[in-house]
Amino acid sequence: MAIKQPNSLHCFVCGVENSYGLKLKFYETAPGEVTVFHTVPPQFQGYPGIVHGGIVASMLDEALGRSHMGVDSQNSRFMFTAHLDIQYRKPVPVGQPLRIVGWSGKRKTRSATATAAIYAEDGEILAEATAVLVDVPEEMLAGSDLEALGWQVYPDEEETME
């Protein structure tokens, strides 16, 4: 069973009120695994019909970090990307359904590894990434009211994951 992760208000990748953003909705599909289904609109293309490489990197980066986040907003592990390695295998098309999956890797006290991939509708891998992540320092989060910052689970129009 997929469990929806929280979104924020203004994040470029997941912000529900960011009119310039992607508005991705992530679901924990297994422990340490997140999945999102998304069709990238044409305003995010680089070459005609192809998602800009920076947008591809942003989607992978978010999936990498969210693989360690979990679904409990009070106990989420927030992480920065320290190192990101991307393999662009095939052009990622705009206007076509994609599946983006992130998997948590080895966890250490203040760091972790993760992998992620973007798949075409037929299951072909279009891009994949590995990362080293580091914990956001506690003092940056101390005293933050995550719900006041918009960090919460927002209901979907349809309550089922694609």
C-alpha atoms as a PDB file:
ATOM      1  CA  MET A   1       0.000   0.000   0.000  1.00  0.00           C
ATOM      2  CA  ALA A   2       1.359   3.410  -0.969  1.00  0.00           C
ATOM      3  CA  ILE A   3       1.410   6.126   1.702  1.00  0.00           C
ATOM      4  CA  LYS A   4       1.561   9.752   0.585  1.00  0.00           C
ATOM      5  CA  GLN A   5       4.485  11.826   1.873  1.00  0.00           C
ATOM      6  CA  PRO A   6       4.084  15.454   2.915  1.00  0.00           C
ATOM      7  CA  ASN A   7       4.515  18.303   0.427  1.00  0.00           C
ATOM      8  CA  SER A   8       5.588  21.860   1.115  1.00  0.00           C
ATOM      9  CA  LEU A   9       4.061  25.097  -0.055  1.00  0.00           C
ATOM     10  CA  HIS A  10       6.919  26.605  -2.070  1.00  0.00           C
ATOM     11  CA  CYS A  11       9.459  23.897  -3.002  1.00  0.00           C
ATOM     12  CA  PHE A  12      10.220  23.940  -6.743  1.00  0.00           C
ATOM     13  CA  VAL A  13       9.761  20.177  -7.014  1.00  0.00           C
ATOM     14  CA  CYS A  14       6.902  19.463  -4.569  1.00  0.00           C
ATOM     15  CA  GLY A  15       5.441  22.847  -3.578  1.00  0.00           C
ATOM     16  CA  VAL A  16       1.672  22.843  -3.874  1.00  0.00           C
ATOM     17  CA  GLU A  17       1.505  26.654  -4.176  1.00  0.00           C
ATOM     18  CA  ASN A  18       4.553  27.157  -6.413  1.00  0.00           C
ATOM     19  CA  SER A  19       3.011  28.241  -9.706  1.00  0.00           C
ATOM     20  CA  TYR A  20       6.398  27.777 -11.435  1.00  0.00           C
ATOM     21  CA  GLY A  21       7.095  24.352  -9.922  1.00  0.00           C
ATOM     22  CA  LEU A  22       6.582  20.703 -10.808  1.00  0.00           C
ATOM     23  CA  LYS A  23       4.175  19.901  -7.909  1.00  0.00           C
ATOM     24  CA  LEU A  24       5.274  16.266  -7.641  1.00  0.00           C
ATOM     25  CA  LYS A  25       3.425  14.032  -5.167  1.00  0.00           C
ATOM     26  CA  PHE A  26       5.608  11.349  -3.582  1.00  0.00           C
ATOM     27  CA  TYR A  27       4.372   8.098  -2.089  1.00  0.00           C
ATOM     28  CA  GLU A  28       6.272   5.657   0.093  1.00  0.00           C
ATOM     29  CA  THR A  29       5.697   2.399  -1.793  1.00  0.00           C
ATOM     30  CA  ALA A  30       7.910   0.243   0.452  1.00  0.00           C
ATOM     31  CA  PRO A  31      10.239   0.964   3.380  1.00  0.00           C
ATOM     32  CA  GLY A  32      13.025   3.121   1.949  1.00  0.00           C
ATOM     33  CA  GLU A  33      11.316   3.408  -1.458  1.00  0.00           C
ATOM     34  CA  VAL A  34       9.373   6.343  -2.893  1.00  0.00           C
ATOM     35  CA  THR A  35       7.504   6.572  -6.174  1.00  0.00           C
ATOM     36  CA  VAL A  36       5.915   9.416  -8.105  1.00  0.00           C
ATOM     37  CA  PHE A  37       4.035   9.339 -11.389  1.00  0.00           C
ATOM     38  CA  HIS A  38       4.265  12.561 -13.373  1.00  0.00           C
ATOM     39  CA  THR A  39       3.819  13.953 -16.847  1.00  0.00           C
ATOM     40  CA  VAL A  40       6.207  16.885 -17.319  1.00  0.00           C
ATOM     41  CA  PRO A  41       4.507  19.818 -19.093  1.00  0.00           C
ATOM     42  CA  PRO A  42       6.184  21.501 -22.091  1.00  0.00           C
ATOM     43  CA  GLN A  43       7.271  24.630 -20.177  1.00  0.00           C
ATOM     44  CA  PHE A  44      10.045  22.470 -18.632  1.00  0.00           C
ATOM     45  CA  GLN A  45      11.589  21.394 -21.923  1.00  0.00           C
ATOM     46  CA  GLY A  46      15.086  22.132 -23.135  1.00  0.00           C
ATOM     47  CA  TYR A  47      15.228  20.852 -26.694  1.00  0.00           C
ATOM     48  CA  PRO A  48      11.772  20.588 -28.286  1.00  0.00           C
ATOM     49  CA  GLY A  49       9.844  17.707 -26.736  1.00  0.00           C
ATOM     50  CA  ILE A  50      12.633  16.846 -24.254  1.00  0.00           C
ATOM     51  CA  VAL A  51      12.679  17.648 -20.524  1.00  0.00           C
ATOM     52  CA  HIS A  52      15.551  20.019 -19.659  1.00  0.00           C
ATOM     53  CA  GLY A  53      18.440  18.162 -18.022  1.00  0.00           C
ATOM     54  CA  GLY A  54      18.279  20.404 -14.961  1.00  0.00           C
ATOM     55  CA  ILE A  55      14.646  19.457 -14.425  1.00  0.00           C
ATOM     56  CA  VAL A  56      15.573  15.771 -14.775  1.00  0.00           C
ATOM     57  CA  ALA A  57      18.279  16.333 -12.136  1.00  0.00           C
ATOM     58  CA  SER A  58      15.793  18.110  -9.833  1.00  0.00           C
ATOM     59  CA  MET A  59      13.279  15.269 -10.013  1.00  0.00           C
ATOM     60  CA  LEU A  60      15.960  12.651  -9.329  1.00  0.00           C
ATOM     61  CA  ASP A  61      17.446  14.734  -6.503  1.00  0.00           C
ATOM     62  CA  GLU A  62      14.076  14.998  -4.753  1.00  0.00           C
ATOM     63  CA  ALA A  63      13.445  11.244  -5.069  1.00  0.00           C
ATOM     64  CA  LEU A  64      16.900  10.530  -3.619  1.00  0.00           C
ATOM     65  CA  GLY A  65      16.324  12.646  -0.523  1.00  0.00           C
ATOM     66  CA  ARG A  66      12.756  11.489  -0.010  1.00  0.00           C
ATOM     67  CA  SER A  67      13.818   7.838   0.003  1.00  0.00           C
ATOM     68  CA  HIS A  68      15.243   8.474   3.503  1.00  0.00           C
ATOM     69  CA  MET A  69      12.435  10.773   4.610  1.00  0.00           C
ATOM     70  CA  GLY A  70       9.648   8.359   5.461  1.00  0.00           C
ATOM     71  CA  VAL A  71       6.032   9.385   5.897  1.00  0.00           C
ATOM     72  CA  ASP A  72       5.933  10.602   9.507  1.00  0.00           C
ATOM     73  CA  SER A  73       6.334  14.388   9.303  1.00  0.00           C
ATOM     74  CA  GLN A  74       7.357  14.621  12.974  1.00  0.00           C
ATOM     75  CA  ASN A  75      10.227  12.137  12.508  1.00  0.00           C
ATOM     76  CA  SER A  76      11.292  12.932   8.950  1.00  0.00           C
ATOM     77  CA  ARG A  77      14.971  12.814   8.122  1.00  0.00           C
ATOM     78  CA  PHE A  78      15.716  15.975   6.146  1.00  0.00           C
ATOM     79  CA  MET A  79      18.900  15.775   4.075  1.00  0.00           C
ATOM     80  CA  PHE A  80      20.992  17.889   1.708  1.00  0.00           C
ATOM     81  CA  THR A  81      22.620  16.399  -1.363  1.00  0.00           C
ATOM     82  CA  ALA A  82      26.411  16.425  -0.935  1.00  0.00           C
ATOM     83  CA  HIS A  83      27.251  14.552  -4.146  1.00  0.00           C
ATOM     84  CA  LEU A  84      25.011  13.771  -7.108  1.00  0.00           C
ATOM     85  CA  ASP A  85      25.948  11.536 -10.050  1.00  0.00           C
ATOM     86  CA  ILE A  86      23.461  11.340 -12.937  1.00  0.00           C
ATOM     87  CA  GLN A  87      23.416   9.035 -15.938  1.00  0.00           C
ATOM     88  CA  TYR A  88      21.260  10.510 -18.710  1.00  0.00           C
ATOM     89  CA  ARG A  89      20.495   7.338 -20.684  1.00  0.00           C
ATOM     90  CA  LYS A  90      17.759   8.482 -23.091  1.00  0.00           C
ATOM     91  CA  PRO A  91      15.905  11.762 -23.662  1.00  0.00           C
ATOM     92  CA  VAL A  92      13.145  12.256 -21.090  1.00  0.00           C
ATOM     93  CA  PRO A  93      10.014  13.288 -23.017  1.00  0.00           C
ATOM     94  CA  VAL A  94       7.625  16.057 -22.047  1.00  0.00           C
ATOM     95  CA  GLY A  95       3.916  15.281 -22.171  1.00  0.00           C
ATOM     96  CA  GLN A  96       4.313  11.548 -21.513  1.00  0.00           C
ATOM     97  CA  PRO A  97       3.737   9.624 -18.269  1.00  0.00           C
ATOM     98  CA  LEU A  98       6.885   8.960 -16.262  1.00  0.00           C
ATOM     99  CA  ARG A  99       7.551   6.906 -13.135  1.00  0.00           C
ATOM    100  CA  ILE A 100      10.253   8.200 -10.802  1.00  0.00           C
ATOM    101  CA  VAL A 101      11.500   5.891  -8.044  1.00  0.00           C
ATOM    102  CA  GLY A 102      14.003   6.528  -5.243  1.00  0.00           C
ATOM    103  CA  TRP A 103      15.607   3.905  -2.981  1.00  0.00           C
ATOM    104  CA  SER A 104      17.440   4.532   0.273  1.00  0.00           C
ATOM    105  CA  GLY A 105      20.899   3.066   0.595  1.00  0.00           C
ATOM    106  CA  LYS A 106      23.369   2.800   3.424  1.00  0.00           C
ATOM    107  CA  ARG A 107      22.570   4.976   6.446  1.00  0.00           C
ATOM    108  CA  LYS A 108      25.204   6.432   8.713  1.00  0.00           C
ATOM    109  CA  THR A 109      24.898   8.762  11.697  1.00  0.00           C
ATOM    110  CA  ARG A 110      24.857  12.002   9.671  1.00  0.00           C
ATOM    111  CA  SER A 111      24.911  10.802   6.080  1.00  0.00           C
ATOM    112  CA  ALA A 112      23.371   8.274   3.740  1.00  0.00           C
ATOM    113  CA  THR A 113      23.408   7.059   0.154  1.00  0.00           C
ATOM    114  CA  ALA A 114      20.505   6.650  -2.243  1.00  0.00           C
ATOM    115  CA  THR A 115      19.676   5.739  -5.837  1.00  0.00           C
ATOM    116  CA  ALA A 116      16.849   6.895  -8.105  1.00  0.00           C
ATOM    117  CA  ALA A 117      15.635   6.366 -11.644  1.00  0.00           C
ATOM    118  CA  ILE A 118      13.171   7.805 -14.145  1.00  0.00           C
ATOM    119  CA  TYR A 119      11.257   5.298 -16.253  1.00  0.00           C
ATOM    120  CA  ALA A 120       9.253   5.719 -19.441  1.00  0.00           C
ATOM    121  CA  GLU A 121       5.714   4.360 -19.576  1.00  0.00           C
ATOM    122  CA  ASP A 122       7.044   1.115 -21.123  1.00  0.00           C
ATOM    123  CA  GLY A 123       9.489   0.634 -18.216  1.00  0.00           C
ATOM    124  CA  GLU A 124      12.634   1.750 -20.046  1.00  0.00           C
ATOM    125  CA  ILE A 125      15.172   3.571 -17.837  1.00  0.00           C
ATOM    126  CA  LEU A 126      15.644   7.122 -19.109  1.00  0.00           C
ATOM    127  CA  ALA A 127      17.879   8.529 -16.367  1.00  0.00           C
ATOM    128  CA  GLU A 128      19.299   7.317 -13.069  1.00  0.00           C
ATOM    129  CA  ALA A 129      21.263   8.806 -10.220  1.00  0.00           C
ATOM    130  CA  THR A 130      23.204   8.013  -7.082  1.00  0.00           C
ATOM    131  CA  ALA A 131      23.842  10.418  -4.254  1.00  0.00           C
ATOM    132  CA  VAL A 132      25.568  10.981  -0.968  1.00  0.00           C
ATOM    133  CA  LEU A 133      23.249  12.863   1.368  1.00  0.00           C
ATOM    134  CA  VAL A 134      23.989  14.651   4.647  1.00  0.00           C
ATOM    135  CA  ASP A 135      21.573  15.522   7.432  1.00  0.00           C
ATOM    136  CA  VAL A 136      20.276  19.068   7.616  1.00  0.00           C
ATOM    137  CA  PRO A 137      21.897  20.433  10.808  1.00  0.00           C
ATOM    138  CA  GLU A 138      19.538  20.251  13.784  1.00  0.00           C
ATOM    139  CA  GLU A 139      20.003  23.966  14.496  1.00  0.00           C
ATOM    140  CA  MET A 140      18.506  24.781  11.076  1.00  0.00           C
ATOM    141  CA  LEU A 141      15.337  22.879  11.957  1.00  0.00           C
ATOM    142  CA  ALA A 142      15.213  23.743  15.665  1.00  0.00           C
ATOM    143  CA  GLY A 143      12.037  25.574  16.525  1.00  0.00           C
ATOM    144  CA  SER A 144      10.570  25.112  13.049  1.00  0.00           C
ATOM    145  CA  ASP A 145       6.872  24.443  12.908  1.00  0.00           C
ATOM    146  CA  LEU A 146       6.831  22.247   9.820  1.00  0.00           C
ATOM    147  CA  GLU A 147       3.066  22.424   9.407  1.00  0.00           C
ATOM    148  CA  ALA A 148       3.174  26.232   9.579  1.00  0.00           C
ATOM    149  CA  LEU A 149       5.744  26.075   6.761  1.00  0.00           C
ATOM    150  CA  GLY A 150       3.237  24.068   4.777  1.00  0.00           C
ATOM    151  CA  TRP A 151       4.946  20.711   5.336  1.00  0.00           C
ATOM    152  CA  GLN A 152       1.960  18.395   5.436  1.00  0.00           C
ATOM    153  CA  VAL A 153       0.078  15.773   3.466  1.00  0.00           C
ATOM    154  CA  TYR A 154      -2.305  17.499   1.078  1.00  0.00           C
ATOM    155  CA  PRO A 155      -5.275  15.486  -0.193  1.00  0.00           C
ATOM    156  CA  ASP A 156      -5.217  14.400  -3.825  1.00  0.00           C
ATOM    157  CA  GLU A 157      -8.078  15.065  -6.165  1.00  0.00           C
ATOM    158  CA  GLU A 158      -8.129  11.282  -6.552  1.00  0.00           C
ATOM    159  CA  GLU A 159      -7.026   9.319  -3.506  1.00  0.00           C
ATOM    160  CA  THR A 160      -5.295   6.556  -5.480  1.00  0.00           C
ATOM    161  CA  MET A 161      -1.746   6.488  -6.767  1.00  0.00           C
ATOM    162  CA  GLU A 162      -1.489   5.925 -10.531  1.00  0.00           C
END
